Amino acid sequence: MKIQHLMAYIGLICFINATAPLQAAEPARHMTLQQLCQPLPVQPTYEQFQAYEHCTKEQGPEQLARYFAQIYQKKQGKAILAYLDGSELRLQDVIVDDAEHYQNFFLWGCDHSKRYCVIFKAGWEWWSYLLIDRKTKLTTELTGAPVFSPDSQLVFEYLDSRNSDTFDRNIVKLYRLKDDKITLLLERNDSDFGVHSAKWLGPSTLEASLQHFAPEDYSRYVEVGRMRLVVSGDEVNLIVEKRAAMK
């Protein structure tokens, strides 16, 4: 696969998963591409995707680099993120037409305290999100898009397998960031629906829109319901409200 084809594939697959087009106002205090770029609908037009791809691949990363210039830089293919003690994490791009060695890094965003940052890593027909604790220097590799709660105590991760041939399941996970460690509170991989987008309505409540194939056309997606997570301590109440697929 040629590099230009790879990047088009990554742009289409990954960034659609990263949007949050729910209607309620998001009480976010962090800064990520989810806040900077106009979200896509469940089934975007070509023009909508082109505008969004321009934001997520050019305007958004450039703005994030300026916003976090005191802790993050990228020059000559080298991404550098400063830890809280002044040492640095260095990640080097390898832009070659080679499936084994290709890799590309850029800043996805950080929480409002700038303790937790996410670096997006694109490989050859795969990707991951590196959740980095700038205090402990712990890196947690996520497959799905991460969404910080407003107080940065929780992180929701999601991936819809219908947007990629690389994965064979949906990913829905919830983590707590506390006591210098990350704890998995919830994991649900449900093939009956996929999360299209998610956002926090408050420090302990998250709502996500669910999508599925249109019943009469498997080349098209439709919204099929909502999912809500309510967190109390380490207990997570998950409520799924499905409705008949929209035509």
C-alpha atoms as a PDB file:
ATOM      1  CA  MET A   1       0.000   0.000   0.000  1.00  0.00           C
ATOM      2  CA  LYS A   2       1.350   3.428  -0.924  1.00  0.00           C
ATOM      3  CA  ILE A   3       1.813   6.061   1.760  1.00  0.00           C
ATOM      4  CA  GLN A   4      -0.823   8.375   0.310  1.00  0.00           C
ATOM      5  CA  HIS A   5      -3.344   5.539   0.350  1.00  0.00           C
ATOM      6  CA  LEU A   6      -2.406   4.692   3.922  1.00  0.00           C
ATOM      7  CA  MET A   7      -2.896   8.249   5.144  1.00  0.00           C
ATOM      8  CA  ALA A   8      -6.251   8.540   3.392  1.00  0.00           C
ATOM      9  CA  TYR A   9      -7.324   5.301   5.056  1.00  0.00           C
ATOM     10  CA  ILE A  10      -6.125   6.440   8.482  1.00  0.00           C
ATOM     11  CA  GLY A  11      -7.857   9.794   8.061  1.00  0.00           C
ATOM     12  CA  LEU A  12     -11.170   8.226   7.149  1.00  0.00           C
ATOM     13  CA  ILE A  13     -11.175   5.501   9.778  1.00  0.00           C
ATOM     14  CA  CYS A  14      -9.589   7.023  12.852  1.00  0.00           C
ATOM     15  CA  PHE A  15     -10.872  10.548  12.859  1.00  0.00           C
ATOM     16  CA  ILE A  16     -14.504   9.616  12.275  1.00  0.00           C
ATOM     17  CA  ASN A  17     -14.248   7.580  15.485  1.00  0.00           C
ATOM     18  CA  ALA A  18     -12.882  10.568  17.353  1.00  0.00           C
ATOM     19  CA  THR A  19     -15.763  12.977  16.946  1.00  0.00           C
ATOM     20  CA  ALA A  20     -18.490  13.844  19.442  1.00  0.00           C
ATOM     21  CA  PRO A  21     -21.624  15.193  17.731  1.00  0.00           C
ATOM     22  CA  LEU A  22     -24.082  14.812  20.616  1.00  0.00           C
ATOM     23  CA  GLN A  23     -26.380  17.743  21.177  1.00  0.00           C
ATOM     24  CA  ALA A  24     -25.781  18.462  24.872  1.00  0.00           C
ATOM     25  CA  ALA A  25     -23.138  21.049  25.695  1.00  0.00           C
ATOM     26  CA  GLU A  26     -19.906  19.383  26.749  1.00  0.00           C
ATOM     27  CA  PRO A  27     -18.380  20.609  30.018  1.00  0.00           C
ATOM     28  CA  ALA A  28     -14.878  19.824  28.745  1.00  0.00           C
ATOM     29  CA  ARG A  29     -11.887  21.646  30.117  1.00  0.00           C
ATOM     30  CA  HIS A  30      -9.293  19.673  28.209  1.00  0.00           C
ATOM     31  CA  MET A  31      -8.017  20.467  24.711  1.00  0.00           C
ATOM     32  CA  THR A  32      -8.058  17.760  22.041  1.00  0.00           C
ATOM     33  CA  LEU A  33      -8.997  17.437  18.394  1.00  0.00           C
ATOM     34  CA  GLN A  34     -12.521  16.661  19.577  1.00  0.00           C
ATOM     35  CA  GLN A  35     -12.913  20.268  20.676  1.00  0.00           C
ATOM     36  CA  LEU A  36     -11.149  21.876  17.717  1.00  0.00           C
ATOM     37  CA  CYS A  37     -12.823  20.268  14.702  1.00  0.00           C
ATOM     38  CA  GLN A  38     -16.439  20.400  13.554  1.00  0.00           C
ATOM     39  CA  PRO A  39     -17.803  16.894  14.176  1.00  0.00           C
ATOM     40  CA  LEU A  40     -19.093  14.626  11.457  1.00  0.00           C
ATOM     41  CA  PRO A  41     -22.592  13.146  11.278  1.00  0.00           C
ATOM     42  CA  VAL A  42     -23.042   9.371  11.351  1.00  0.00           C
ATOM     43  CA  GLN A  43     -22.987   9.255   7.553  1.00  0.00           C
ATOM     44  CA  PRO A  44     -20.921  12.225   6.291  1.00  0.00           C
ATOM     45  CA  THR A  45     -20.956  13.625   2.782  1.00  0.00           C
ATOM     46  CA  TYR A  46     -17.741  13.827   0.803  1.00  0.00           C
ATOM     47  CA  GLU A  47     -17.559  17.583   1.380  1.00  0.00           C
ATOM     48  CA  GLN A  48     -18.058  17.197   5.132  1.00  0.00           C
ATOM     49  CA  PHE A  49     -15.331  14.603   5.316  1.00  0.00           C
ATOM     50  CA  GLN A  50     -12.922  16.738   3.275  1.00  0.00           C
ATOM     51  CA  ALA A  51     -13.413  19.705   5.611  1.00  0.00           C
ATOM     52  CA  TYR A  52     -13.022  17.543   8.673  1.00  0.00           C
ATOM     53  CA  GLU A  53      -9.932  15.795   7.354  1.00  0.00           C
ATOM     54  CA  HIS A  54      -8.337  19.182   6.671  1.00  0.00           C
ATOM     55  CA  CYS A  55      -9.019  20.222  10.265  1.00  0.00           C
ATOM     56  CA  THR A  56      -7.844  16.996  11.890  1.00  0.00           C
ATOM     57  CA  LYS A  57      -4.728  16.521   9.759  1.00  0.00           C
ATOM     58  CA  GLU A  58      -3.565  20.131   9.340  1.00  0.00           C
ATOM     59  CA  GLN A  59      -5.307  22.922  11.229  1.00  0.00           C
ATOM     60  CA  GLY A  60      -6.046  20.984  14.429  1.00  0.00           C
ATOM     61  CA  PRO A  61      -2.585  19.467  15.022  1.00  0.00           C
ATOM     62  CA  GLU A  62      -0.936  22.816  14.259  1.00  0.00           C
ATOM     63  CA  GLN A  63      -3.189  24.606  16.737  1.00  0.00           C
ATOM     64  CA  LEU A  64      -2.584  21.971  19.415  1.00  0.00           C
ATOM     65  CA  ALA A  65       1.170  22.237  18.907  1.00  0.00           C
ATOM     66  CA  ARG A  66       0.974  25.994  19.472  1.00  0.00           C
ATOM     67  CA  TYR A  67      -1.361  25.661  22.463  1.00  0.00           C
ATOM     68  CA  PHE A  68       0.896  23.115  24.184  1.00  0.00           C
ATOM     69  CA  ALA A  69       4.185  24.606  22.944  1.00  0.00           C
ATOM     70  CA  GLN A  70       5.641  24.679  26.470  1.00  0.00           C
ATOM     71  CA  ILE A  71       5.415  20.893  26.783  1.00  0.00           C
ATOM     72  CA  TYR A  72       5.251  19.551  23.210  1.00  0.00           C
ATOM     73  CA  GLN A  73       7.184  20.118  20.009  1.00  0.00           C
ATOM     74  CA  LYS A  74       7.556  18.338  16.715  1.00  0.00           C
ATOM     75  CA  LYS A  75      10.461  19.100  14.433  1.00  0.00           C
ATOM     76  CA  GLN A  76      11.954  17.132  11.563  1.00  0.00           C
ATOM     77  CA  GLY A  77       9.722  14.166  12.276  1.00  0.00           C
ATOM     78  CA  LYS A  78      10.570  13.984  15.980  1.00  0.00           C
ATOM     79  CA  ALA A  79       7.751  14.411  18.512  1.00  0.00           C
ATOM     80  CA  ILE A  80       8.962  15.549  21.946  1.00  0.00           C
ATOM     81  CA  LEU A  81       6.746  15.633  25.041  1.00  0.00           C
ATOM     82  CA  ALA A  82       8.167  17.006  28.299  1.00  0.00           C
ATOM     83  CA  TYR A  83       7.565  15.122  31.531  1.00  0.00           C
ATOM     84  CA  LEU A  84       6.847  17.053  34.716  1.00  0.00           C
ATOM     85  CA  ASP A  85      10.394  16.532  36.011  1.00  0.00           C
ATOM     86  CA  GLY A  86      11.893  18.130  32.902  1.00  0.00           C
ATOM     87  CA  SER A  87      12.952  14.925  31.143  1.00  0.00           C
ATOM     88  CA  GLU A  88      11.476  14.132  27.742  1.00  0.00           C
ATOM     89  CA  LEU A  89       9.664  11.440  25.783  1.00  0.00           C
ATOM     90  CA  ARG A  90      10.988  11.344  22.215  1.00  0.00           C
ATOM     91  CA  LEU A  91       9.165   9.593  19.374  1.00  0.00           C
ATOM     92  CA  GLN A  92      10.614   9.489  15.852  1.00  0.00           C
ATOM     93  CA  ASP A  93       8.548   9.261  12.663  1.00  0.00           C
ATOM     94  CA  VAL A  94       9.596   6.711  10.072  1.00  0.00           C
ATOM     95  CA  ILE A  95       7.904   7.768   6.839  1.00  0.00           C
ATOM     96  CA  VAL A  96       8.700   4.971   4.399  1.00  0.00           C
ATOM     97  CA  ASP A  97       6.681   2.859   1.992  1.00  0.00           C
ATOM     98  CA  ASP A  98       7.229  -0.147   4.225  1.00  0.00           C
ATOM     99  CA  ALA A  99       4.608  -1.881   6.346  1.00  0.00           C
ATOM    100  CA  GLU A 100       7.101  -3.136   8.918  1.00  0.00           C
ATOM    101  CA  HIS A 101       8.803   0.161   9.717  1.00  0.00           C
ATOM    102  CA  TYR A 102       6.279   2.928   8.988  1.00  0.00           C
ATOM    103  CA  GLN A 103       5.184   5.031  11.963  1.00  0.00           C
ATOM    104  CA  ASN A 104       3.937   8.579  12.446  1.00  0.00           C
ATOM    105  CA  PHE A 105       3.228  10.497  15.667  1.00  0.00           C
ATOM    106  CA  PHE A 106       1.347  13.662  16.562  1.00  0.00           C
ATOM    107  CA  LEU A 107      -0.241  15.195  19.634  1.00  0.00           C
ATOM    108  CA  TRP A 108      -3.920  14.248  20.042  1.00  0.00           C
ATOM    109  CA  GLY A 109      -4.409  16.552  23.015  1.00  0.00           C
ATOM    110  CA  CYS A 110      -4.139  16.889  26.794  1.00  0.00           C
ATOM    111  CA  ASP A 111      -6.407  17.205  29.796  1.00  0.00           C
ATOM    112  CA  HIS A 112      -6.924  20.618  31.415  1.00  0.00           C
ATOM    113  CA  SER A 113      -4.174  20.072  34.000  1.00  0.00           C
ATOM    114  CA  LYS A 114      -1.711  19.026  31.277  1.00  0.00           C
ATOM    115  CA  ARG A 115      -0.716  16.038  33.371  1.00  0.00           C
ATOM    116  CA  TYR A 116      -2.252  13.554  30.934  1.00  0.00           C
ATOM    117  CA  CYS A 117      -1.543  13.826  27.215  1.00  0.00           C
ATOM    118  CA  VAL A 118      -2.388  11.594  24.279  1.00  0.00           C
ATOM    119  CA  ILE A 119      -0.067  10.961  21.339  1.00  0.00           C
ATOM    120  CA  PHE A 120      -1.640   9.445  18.226  1.00  0.00           C
ATOM    121  CA  LYS A 121       0.525   6.765  16.608  1.00  0.00           C
ATOM    122  CA  ALA A 122      -0.252   5.715  13.041  1.00  0.00           C
ATOM    123  CA  GLY A 123       1.248   2.534  11.685  1.00  0.00           C
ATOM    124  CA  TRP A 124       0.641   0.594   8.488  1.00  0.00           C
ATOM    125  CA  GLU A 125      -3.142   0.023   8.433  1.00  0.00           C
ATOM    126  CA  TRP A 126      -3.269   0.240  12.246  1.00  0.00           C
ATOM    127  CA  TRP A 127      -3.115   2.913  14.896  1.00  0.00           C
ATOM    128  CA  SER A 128      -3.079   3.445  18.633  1.00  0.00           C
ATOM    129  CA  TYR A 129      -3.494   6.229  21.178  1.00  0.00           C
ATOM    130  CA  LEU A 130      -0.682   6.588  23.724  1.00  0.00           C
ATOM    131  CA  LEU A 131      -2.118   7.887  26.995  1.00  0.00           C
ATOM    132  CA  ILE A 132       0.851   9.389  28.812  1.00  0.00           C
ATOM    133  CA  ASP A 133       1.038  10.365  32.480  1.00  0.00           C
ATOM    134  CA  ARG A 134       3.597  13.198  32.560  1.00  0.00           C
ATOM    135  CA  LYS A 135       4.118  12.671  36.310  1.00  0.00           C
ATOM    136  CA  THR A 136       4.696   8.906  36.512  1.00  0.00           C
ATOM    137  CA  LYS A 137       5.927   8.585  32.878  1.00  0.00           C
ATOM    138  CA  LEU A 138       3.519   5.664  32.500  1.00  0.00           C
ATOM    139  CA  THR A 139       2.280   5.094  28.928  1.00  0.00           C
ATOM    140  CA  THR A 140      -0.959   3.176  28.353  1.00  0.00           C
ATOM    141  CA  GLU A 141      -1.669   2.128  24.767  1.00  0.00           C
ATOM    142  CA  LEU A 142      -5.327   2.407  23.767  1.00  0.00           C
ATOM    143  CA  THR A 143      -6.921   1.117  20.575  1.00  0.00           C
ATOM    144  CA  GLY A 144      -9.997   3.334  20.644  1.00  0.00           C
ATOM    145  CA  ALA A 145     -10.410   7.075  20.912  1.00  0.00           C
ATOM    146  CA  PRO A 146      -9.994   8.406  24.491  1.00  0.00           C
ATOM    147  CA  VAL A 147     -12.395  10.959  25.985  1.00  0.00           C
ATOM    148  CA  PHE A 148     -11.390  12.676  29.266  1.00  0.00           C
ATOM    149  CA  SER A 149     -14.002  13.486  31.880  1.00  0.00           C
ATOM    150  CA  PRO A 150     -14.107  17.204  32.831  1.00  0.00           C
ATOM    151  CA  ASP A 151     -12.142  16.576  36.051  1.00  0.00           C
ATOM    152  CA  SER A 152      -9.668  14.204  34.317  1.00  0.00           C
ATOM    153  CA  GLN A 153     -10.515  11.414  36.757  1.00  0.00           C
ATOM    154  CA  LEU A 154     -12.072   9.150  34.118  1.00  0.00           C
ATOM    155  CA  VAL A 155     -11.218   8.203  30.536  1.00  0.00           C
ATOM    156  CA  PHE A 156     -13.699   6.591  28.151  1.00  0.00           C
ATOM    157  CA  GLU A 157     -12.294   4.573  25.234  1.00  0.00           C
ATOM    158  CA  TYR A 158     -14.320   3.482  22.217  1.00  0.00           C
ATOM    159  CA  LEU A 159     -13.867   1.931  18.795  1.00  0.00           C
ATOM    160  CA  ASP A 160     -16.528   0.783  16.351  1.00  0.00           C
ATOM    161  CA  SER A 161     -15.322  -2.241  14.394  1.00  0.00           C
ATOM    162  CA  ARG A 162     -17.613  -1.388  11.453  1.00  0.00           C
ATOM    163  CA  ASN A 163     -15.235   1.460  10.643  1.00  0.00           C
ATOM    164  CA  SER A 164     -12.254  -0.857  10.220  1.00  0.00           C
ATOM    165  CA  ASP A 165     -11.399  -4.251   8.769  1.00  0.00           C
ATOM    166  CA  THR A 166      -8.482  -4.416  11.213  1.00  0.00           C
ATOM    167  CA  PHE A 167     -10.563  -5.174  14.320  1.00  0.00           C
ATOM    168  CA  ASP A 168     -13.206  -7.853  14.877  1.00  0.00           C
ATOM    169  CA  ARG A 169     -15.150  -6.280  17.745  1.00  0.00           C
ATOM    170  CA  ASN A 170     -16.408  -3.022  19.194  1.00  0.00           C
ATOM    171  CA  ILE A 171     -14.420  -1.592  22.083  1.00  0.00           C
ATOM    172  CA  VAL A 172     -16.075   0.163  25.020  1.00  0.00           C
ATOM    173  CA  LYS A 173     -13.883   0.703  28.083  1.00  0.00           C
ATOM    174  CA  LEU A 174     -13.829   3.048  31.056  1.00  0.00           C
ATOM    175  CA  TYR A 175     -10.773   3.790  33.193  1.00  0.00           C
ATOM    176  CA  ARG A 176     -10.165   5.702  36.406  1.00  0.00           C
ATOM    177  CA  LEU A 177      -7.018   7.818  36.736  1.00  0.00           C
ATOM    178  CA  LYS A 178      -6.172   7.888  40.423  1.00  0.00           C
ATOM    179  CA  ASP A 179      -3.268   7.343  42.816  1.00  0.00           C
ATOM    180  CA  ASP A 180      -0.726   7.468  39.978  1.00  0.00           C
ATOM    181  CA  LYS A 181      -2.270   4.488  38.207  1.00  0.00           C
ATOM    182  CA  ILE A 182      -4.936   3.636  35.645  1.00  0.00           C
ATOM    183  CA  THR A 183      -7.706   1.213  36.662  1.00  0.00           C
ATOM    184  CA  LEU A 184     -10.139  -0.485  34.286  1.00  0.00           C
ATOM    185  CA  LEU A 185     -13.687  -0.011  35.599  1.00  0.00           C
ATOM    186  CA  LEU A 186     -15.734  -1.274  32.642  1.00  0.00           C
ATOM    187  CA  GLU A 187     -15.176  -3.311  29.496  1.00  0.00           C
ATOM    188  CA  ARG A 188     -17.984  -4.160  27.109  1.00  0.00           C
ATOM    189  CA  ASN A 189     -17.411  -5.456  23.595  1.00  0.00           C
ATOM    190  CA  ASP A 190     -20.874  -5.711  22.064  1.00  0.00           C
ATOM    191  CA  SER A 191     -21.246  -6.703  18.426  1.00  0.00           C
ATOM    192  CA  ASP A 192     -24.867  -5.529  18.321  1.00  0.00           C
ATOM    193  CA  PHE A 193     -23.963  -1.851  18.148  1.00  0.00           C
ATOM    194  CA  GLY A 194     -21.043   0.500  17.826  1.00  0.00           C
ATOM    195  CA  VAL A 195     -20.355   3.805  19.544  1.00  0.00           C
ATOM    196  CA  HIS A 196     -20.271   6.560  16.968  1.00  0.00           C
ATOM    197  CA  SER A 197     -19.431   9.392  19.366  1.00  0.00           C
ATOM    198  CA  ALA A 198     -19.314  10.122  23.078  1.00  0.00           C
ATOM    199  CA  LYS A 199     -19.088  13.036  25.449  1.00  0.00           C
ATOM    200  CA  TRP A 200     -19.201  13.724  29.162  1.00  0.00           C
ATOM    201  CA  LEU A 201     -22.270  15.519  30.494  1.00  0.00           C
ATOM    202  CA  GLY A 202     -20.572  15.985  33.870  1.00  0.00           C
ATOM    203  CA  PRO A 203     -17.691  14.542  35.923  1.00  0.00           C
ATOM    204  CA  SER A 204     -19.429  11.168  36.371  1.00  0.00           C
ATOM    205  CA  THR A 205     -21.946  10.910  33.499  1.00  0.00           C
ATOM    206  CA  LEU A 206     -21.175  10.072  29.877  1.00  0.00           C
ATOM    207  CA  GLU A 207     -23.548   9.756  26.937  1.00  0.00           C
ATOM    208  CA  ALA A 208     -22.771   8.091  23.626  1.00  0.00           C
ATOM    209  CA  SER A 209     -24.662   7.768  20.359  1.00  0.00           C
ATOM    210  CA  LEU A 210     -24.878   4.264  18.891  1.00  0.00           C
ATOM    211  CA  GLN A 211     -24.771   3.365  15.224  1.00  0.00           C
ATOM    212  CA  HIS A 212     -25.375   0.307  13.083  1.00  0.00           C
ATOM    213  CA  PHE A 213     -25.728  -0.593   9.443  1.00  0.00           C
ATOM    214  CA  ALA A 214     -28.882   0.671   7.777  1.00  0.00           C
ATOM    215  CA  PRO A 215     -31.202  -2.369   7.518  1.00  0.00           C
ATOM    216  CA  GLU A 216     -31.762  -1.914   3.786  1.00  0.00           C
ATOM    217  CA  ASP A 217     -28.217  -0.808   2.892  1.00  0.00           C
ATOM    218  CA  TYR A 218     -25.090  -2.189   4.558  1.00  0.00           C
ATOM    219  CA  SER A 219     -22.948   0.504   2.934  1.00  0.00           C
ATOM    220  CA  ARG A 220     -24.671   3.133   5.097  1.00  0.00           C
ATOM    221  CA  TYR A 221     -24.801   3.774   8.856  1.00  0.00           C
ATOM    222  CA  VAL A 222     -27.674   5.103  10.941  1.00  0.00           C
ATOM    223  CA  GLU A 223     -28.021   6.112  14.571  1.00  0.00           C
ATOM    224  CA  VAL A 224     -29.820   3.362  16.515  1.00  0.00           C
ATOM    225  CA  GLY A 225     -29.894   4.641  20.092  1.00  0.00           C
ATOM    226  CA  ARG A 226     -27.999   6.051  23.042  1.00  0.00           C
ATOM    227  CA  MET A 227     -25.838   4.666  25.804  1.00  0.00           C
ATOM    228  CA  ARG A 228     -25.309   6.329  29.176  1.00  0.00           C
ATOM    229  CA  LEU A 229     -22.686   5.586  31.818  1.00  0.00           C
ATOM    230  CA  VAL A 230     -23.136   6.841  35.369  1.00  0.00           C
ATOM    231  CA  VAL A 231     -20.147   6.341  37.672  1.00  0.00           C
ATOM    232  CA  SER A 232     -20.375   6.179  41.462  1.00  0.00           C
ATOM    233  CA  GLY A 233     -17.063   5.321  43.063  1.00  0.00           C
ATOM    234  CA  ASP A 234     -15.829   2.286  41.144  1.00  0.00           C
ATOM    235  CA  GLU A 235     -19.374   1.183  40.258  1.00  0.00           C
ATOM    236  CA  VAL A 236     -20.569   1.872  36.703  1.00  0.00           C
ATOM    237  CA  ASN A 237     -24.241   1.835  35.748  1.00  0.00           C
ATOM    238  CA  LEU A 238     -24.634   1.280  32.000  1.00  0.00           C
ATOM    239  CA  ILE A 239     -27.977   2.029  30.331  1.00  0.00           C
ATOM    240  CA  VAL A 240     -28.618   1.330  26.639  1.00  0.00           C
ATOM    241  CA  GLU A 241     -31.670   2.796  24.948  1.00  0.00           C
ATOM    242  CA  LYS A 242     -32.141   1.361  21.476  1.00  0.00           C
ATOM    243  CA  ARG A 243     -34.670   2.447  18.927  1.00  0.00           C
ATOM    244  CA  ALA A 244     -35.681   1.237  15.494  1.00  0.00           C
ATOM    245  CA  ALA A 245     -33.047   2.032  12.889  1.00  0.00           C
ATOM    246  CA  MET A 246     -33.665   5.306  11.085  1.00  0.00           C
ATOM    247  CA  LYS A 247     -34.074   5.200   7.337  1.00  0.00           C
END
